[in-house]
Amino acid sequence: METKGFVQAVETQIALLRDGKPLEAFDTFFGSSVQMFANDVLFASGAVEGRAKQEPFISAAQSIMGKIEDVVMDEKRGLCAFRNLSSFVDGAGVARQIDGLSWQRWDTGKIVEERYYDGEAMQGLLDGGLLNDLAGHMAMKEAE
C-alpha cells in the first residue's frame, strides 16, 4: 500500500468522525465489498448492507460529538485502529455514550475489513496490546 495515501486517507476519515460526520466517512472510505464485524461476529457483508444497518441510528441523532482517540497505524500493512469515545443525542433527546474500538484493514484507499469491539471483547484486546500490535491481531484473525 502506498503509505502517504494511506495515512492521508486515515487522517481524513478520523477528521470526519471527529466532526460528527460518520455517514460521510462511511460513504467516502468503506469499500463496496467491505466485511464488517461486531465483536468478531459478521455484522454486514458489503457497504450497502453496512450502511443500511447504521444509517437509521445515525440519521435519528439530534447531534453527534465526535471523539476519536488513540489512533495507530501500520502503514506497511494498511492497518489502523482507534478508540471511538463519541457521544450523541438520540431522537428522544437522550444523551448516549459510545465506547468502542475500531480495527480496520485498508486496500487502495478503501476499508476492506472493519472489526468493531466494545465491552469485554474490547477490554480484552486493549489489555492484550492491540494498539501496540495491529499486525499481530490481523495474523490472529486470519488463523481462525
C-alpha atoms as a PDB file:
ATOM      1  CA  MET A   1       0.000   0.000   0.000  1.00  0.00           C
ATOM      2  CA  GLU A   2       1.210   3.496  -0.826  1.00  0.00           C
ATOM      3  CA  THR A   3       1.857   4.837   2.681  1.00  0.00           C
ATOM      4  CA  LYS A   4       1.373   8.559   2.082  1.00  0.00           C
ATOM      5  CA  GLY A   5      -2.059   7.971   0.539  1.00  0.00           C
ATOM      6  CA  PHE A   6      -2.981   5.530   3.323  1.00  0.00           C
ATOM      7  CA  VAL A   7      -2.006   7.933   6.103  1.00  0.00           C
ATOM      8  CA  GLN A   8      -3.851  10.802   4.444  1.00  0.00           C
ATOM      9  CA  ALA A   9      -6.991   8.659   3.947  1.00  0.00           C
ATOM     10  CA  VAL A  10      -6.992   7.519   7.590  1.00  0.00           C
ATOM     11  CA  GLU A  11      -6.442  11.085   8.798  1.00  0.00           C
ATOM     12  CA  THR A  12      -9.312  12.346   6.632  1.00  0.00           C
ATOM     13  CA  GLN A  13     -11.599   9.591   7.921  1.00  0.00           C
ATOM     14  CA  ILE A  14     -10.700  10.455  11.517  1.00  0.00           C
ATOM     15  CA  ALA A  15     -11.344  14.168  10.852  1.00  0.00           C
ATOM     16  CA  LEU A  16     -14.828  13.363   9.514  1.00  0.00           C
ATOM     17  CA  LEU A  17     -15.585  11.202  12.552  1.00  0.00           C
ATOM     18  CA  ARG A  18     -14.359  13.930  14.911  1.00  0.00           C
ATOM     19  CA  ASP A  19     -16.597  16.397  13.058  1.00  0.00           C
ATOM     20  CA  GLY A  20     -19.607  14.172  13.786  1.00  0.00           C
ATOM     21  CA  LYS A  21     -19.949  13.012  10.169  1.00  0.00           C
ATOM     22  CA  PRO A  22     -19.849   9.203  10.351  1.00  0.00           C
ATOM     23  CA  LEU A  23     -22.008   8.620   7.261  1.00  0.00           C
ATOM     24  CA  GLU A  24     -19.748  10.854   5.178  1.00  0.00           C
ATOM     25  CA  ALA A  25     -16.746   8.908   6.437  1.00  0.00           C
ATOM     26  CA  PHE A  26     -18.516   5.646   5.626  1.00  0.00           C
ATOM     27  CA  ASP A  27     -19.501   6.709   2.106  1.00  0.00           C
ATOM     28  CA  THR A  28     -16.022   8.022   1.363  1.00  0.00           C
ATOM     29  CA  PHE A  29     -13.849   5.242   2.735  1.00  0.00           C
ATOM     30  CA  PHE A  30     -15.703   1.925   3.020  1.00  0.00           C
ATOM     31  CA  GLY A  31     -15.148  -0.325   0.019  1.00  0.00           C
ATOM     32  CA  SER A  32     -18.153  -1.845  -1.725  1.00  0.00           C
ATOM     33  CA  SER A  33     -17.255  -5.383  -0.620  1.00  0.00           C
ATOM     34  CA  VAL A  34     -16.191  -4.465   2.938  1.00  0.00           C
ATOM     35  CA  GLN A  35     -16.668  -7.110   5.615  1.00  0.00           C
ATOM     36  CA  MET A  36     -17.840  -5.611   8.904  1.00  0.00           C
ATOM     37  CA  PHE A  37     -17.741  -7.421  12.231  1.00  0.00           C
ATOM     38  CA  ALA A  38     -19.071  -6.570  15.692  1.00  0.00           C
ATOM     39  CA  ASN A  39     -17.130  -8.392  18.418  1.00  0.00           C
ATOM     40  CA  ASP A  40     -15.965 -10.861  15.738  1.00  0.00           C
ATOM     41  CA  VAL A  41     -19.499 -11.701  14.550  1.00  0.00           C
ATOM     42  CA  LEU A  42     -20.288 -10.770  10.948  1.00  0.00           C
ATOM     43  CA  PHE A  43     -22.379  -7.586  11.043  1.00  0.00           C
ATOM     44  CA  ALA A  44     -22.529  -6.754   7.344  1.00  0.00           C
ATOM     45  CA  SER A  45     -21.192  -8.120   4.109  1.00  0.00           C
ATOM     46  CA  GLY A  46     -20.735  -5.179   1.758  1.00  0.00           C
ATOM     47  CA  ALA A  47     -21.096  -1.434   2.092  1.00  0.00           C
ATOM     48  CA  VAL A  48     -24.770  -1.376   1.073  1.00  0.00           C
ATOM     49  CA  GLU A  49     -25.756  -3.715   3.916  1.00  0.00           C
ATOM     50  CA  GLY A  50     -23.458  -1.975   6.412  1.00  0.00           C
ATOM     51  CA  ARG A  51     -24.800   1.479   5.630  1.00  0.00           C
ATOM     52  CA  ALA A  52     -28.409   0.272   5.693  1.00  0.00           C
ATOM     53  CA  LYS A  53     -27.888  -1.067   9.220  1.00  0.00           C
ATOM     54  CA  GLN A  54     -26.144   2.062  10.536  1.00  0.00           C
ATOM     55  CA  GLU A  55     -27.935   4.895   8.751  1.00  0.00           C
ATOM     56  CA  PRO A  56     -31.251   4.826  10.689  1.00  0.00           C
ATOM     57  CA  PHE A  57     -29.473   5.238  14.038  1.00  0.00           C
ATOM     58  CA  ILE A  58     -27.087   7.920  12.833  1.00  0.00           C
ATOM     59  CA  SER A  59     -29.755   9.897  10.977  1.00  0.00           C
ATOM     60  CA  ALA A  60     -32.030   9.850  14.039  1.00  0.00           C
ATOM     61  CA  ALA A  61     -29.368  11.537  16.182  1.00  0.00           C
ATOM     62  CA  GLN A  62     -30.089  15.154  17.033  1.00  0.00           C
ATOM     63  CA  SER A  63     -26.364  15.808  17.394  1.00  0.00           C
ATOM     64  CA  ILE A  64     -23.096  13.878  17.304  1.00  0.00           C
ATOM     65  CA  MET A  65     -19.975  14.891  19.242  1.00  0.00           C
ATOM     66  CA  GLY A  66     -17.074  13.022  17.691  1.00  0.00           C
ATOM     67  CA  LYS A  67     -14.240  11.969  19.967  1.00  0.00           C
ATOM     68  CA  ILE A  68     -11.665   9.668  18.387  1.00  0.00           C
ATOM     69  CA  GLU A  69      -8.525   8.833  20.354  1.00  0.00           C
ATOM     70  CA  ASP A  70      -5.511   6.524  20.336  1.00  0.00           C
ATOM     71  CA  VAL A  71      -5.242   6.368  16.540  1.00  0.00           C
ATOM     72  CA  VAL A  72      -2.493   3.953  15.493  1.00  0.00           C
ATOM     73  CA  MET A  73      -1.440   2.879  12.017  1.00  0.00           C
ATOM     74  CA  ASP A  74       0.657   0.133  10.494  1.00  0.00           C
ATOM     75  CA  GLU A  75       1.417   1.801   7.176  1.00  0.00           C
ATOM     76  CA  LYS A  76       3.239  -1.191   5.709  1.00  0.00           C
ATOM     77  CA  ARG A  77       0.216  -3.470   6.133  1.00  0.00           C
ATOM     78  CA  GLY A  78      -2.528  -0.870   5.667  1.00  0.00           C
ATOM     79  CA  LEU A  79      -3.942  -1.318   9.164  1.00  0.00           C
ATOM     80  CA  CYS A  80      -5.291   1.180  11.637  1.00  0.00           C
ATOM     81  CA  ALA A  81      -7.136   1.110  14.934  1.00  0.00           C
ATOM     82  CA  PHE A  82      -8.692   3.760  17.130  1.00  0.00           C
ATOM     83  CA  ARG A  83     -10.909   4.304  20.156  1.00  0.00           C
ATOM     84  CA  ASN A  84     -14.308   5.808  19.496  1.00  0.00           C
ATOM     85  CA  LEU A  85     -15.487   7.726  22.551  1.00  0.00           C
ATOM     86  CA  SER A  86     -18.037   9.814  20.685  1.00  0.00           C
ATOM     87  CA  SER A  87     -21.391  10.768  22.137  1.00  0.00           C
ATOM     88  CA  PHE A  88     -24.697  11.668  20.585  1.00  0.00           C
ATOM     89  CA  VAL A  89     -28.181  12.811  21.493  1.00  0.00           C
ATOM     90  CA  ASP A  90     -30.718  10.341  20.163  1.00  0.00           C
ATOM     91  CA  GLY A  91     -34.079  11.152  18.607  1.00  0.00           C
ATOM     92  CA  ALA A  92     -35.738  11.147  22.039  1.00  0.00           C
ATOM     93  CA  GLY A  93     -33.256  13.702  23.379  1.00  0.00           C
ATOM     94  CA  VAL A  94     -31.302  11.184  25.473  1.00  0.00           C
ATOM     95  CA  ALA A  95     -27.521  11.564  25.591  1.00  0.00           C
ATOM     96  CA  ARG A  96     -25.690   8.342  24.681  1.00  0.00           C
ATOM     97  CA  GLN A  97     -22.006   7.496  25.066  1.00  0.00           C
ATOM     98  CA  ILE A  98     -20.086   5.234  22.686  1.00  0.00           C
ATOM     99  CA  ASP A  99     -17.075   3.314  23.937  1.00  0.00           C
ATOM    100  CA  GLY A 100     -15.650   1.165  21.185  1.00  0.00           C
ATOM    101  CA  LEU A 101     -12.528   0.116  19.378  1.00  0.00           C
ATOM    102  CA  SER A 102     -12.318   0.000  15.594  1.00  0.00           C
ATOM    103  CA  TRP A 103      -9.701  -2.085  13.797  1.00  0.00           C
ATOM    104  CA  GLN A 104      -9.546  -1.555  10.035  1.00  0.00           C
ATOM    105  CA  ARG A 105      -7.746  -3.136   7.116  1.00  0.00           C
ATOM    106  CA  TRP A 106      -7.356  -0.865   4.078  1.00  0.00           C
ATOM    107  CA  ASP A 107      -6.546  -1.600   0.445  1.00  0.00           C
ATOM    108  CA  THR A 108      -6.096   1.025  -2.293  1.00  0.00           C
ATOM    109  CA  GLY A 109      -7.643   3.825  -0.262  1.00  0.00           C
ATOM    110  CA  LYS A 110     -10.703   1.919   0.959  1.00  0.00           C
ATOM    111  CA  ILE A 111     -11.568  -0.019   4.098  1.00  0.00           C
ATOM    112  CA  VAL A 112     -11.985  -3.670   3.142  1.00  0.00           C
ATOM    113  CA  GLU A 113     -12.458  -5.032   6.670  1.00  0.00           C
ATOM    114  CA  GLU A 114     -13.589  -3.403   9.891  1.00  0.00           C
ATOM    115  CA  ARG A 115     -13.816  -5.083  13.250  1.00  0.00           C
ATOM    116  CA  TYR A 116     -15.604  -3.098  15.935  1.00  0.00           C
ATOM    117  CA  TYR A 117     -15.304  -4.138  19.558  1.00  0.00           C
ATOM    118  CA  ASP A 118     -16.970  -2.993  22.747  1.00  0.00           C
ATOM    119  CA  GLY A 119     -17.476  -4.264  26.272  1.00  0.00           C
ATOM    120  CA  GLU A 120     -15.398  -7.212  27.461  1.00  0.00           C
ATOM    121  CA  ALA A 121     -14.182  -8.047  23.944  1.00  0.00           C
ATOM    122  CA  MET A 122     -12.722  -4.553  23.582  1.00  0.00           C
ATOM    123  CA  GLN A 123     -11.159  -4.604  27.022  1.00  0.00           C
ATOM    124  CA  GLY A 124      -9.524  -7.951  26.322  1.00  0.00           C
ATOM    125  CA  LEU A 125      -7.940  -6.595  23.146  1.00  0.00           C
ATOM    126  CA  LEU A 126      -6.759  -3.440  24.860  1.00  0.00           C
ATOM    127  CA  ASP A 127      -5.304  -5.451  27.744  1.00  0.00           C
ATOM    128  CA  GLY A 128      -3.657  -7.726  25.158  1.00  0.00           C
ATOM    129  CA  GLY A 129      -1.906  -4.791  23.491  1.00  0.00           C
ATOM    130  CA  LEU A 130      -3.866  -4.464  20.234  1.00  0.00           C
ATOM    131  CA  LEU A 131      -2.983  -0.782  19.927  1.00  0.00           C
ATOM    132  CA  ASN A 132       0.693  -1.754  20.058  1.00  0.00           C
ATOM    133  CA  ASP A 133       0.497  -4.712  17.630  1.00  0.00           C
ATOM    134  CA  LEU A 134      -2.053  -4.282  14.854  1.00  0.00           C
ATOM    135  CA  ALA A 135      -0.371  -6.833  12.606  1.00  0.00           C
ATOM    136  CA  GLY A 136      -0.377  -9.458  15.369  1.00  0.00           C
ATOM    137  CA  HIS A 137      -4.123  -9.026  15.684  1.00  0.00           C
ATOM    138  CA  MET A 138      -4.508  -9.456  11.917  1.00  0.00           C
ATOM    139  CA  ALA A 139      -2.492 -12.678  11.986  1.00  0.00           C
ATOM    140  CA  MET A 140      -4.614 -13.938  14.885  1.00  0.00           C
ATOM    141  CA  LYS A 141      -7.858 -13.305  12.924  1.00  0.00           C
ATOM    142  CA  GLU A 142      -6.518 -14.933   9.763  1.00  0.00           C
ATOM    143  CA  ALA A 143      -5.627 -18.065  11.755  1.00  0.00           C
ATOM    144  CA  GLU A 144      -9.226 -18.509  12.976  1.00  0.00           C
END
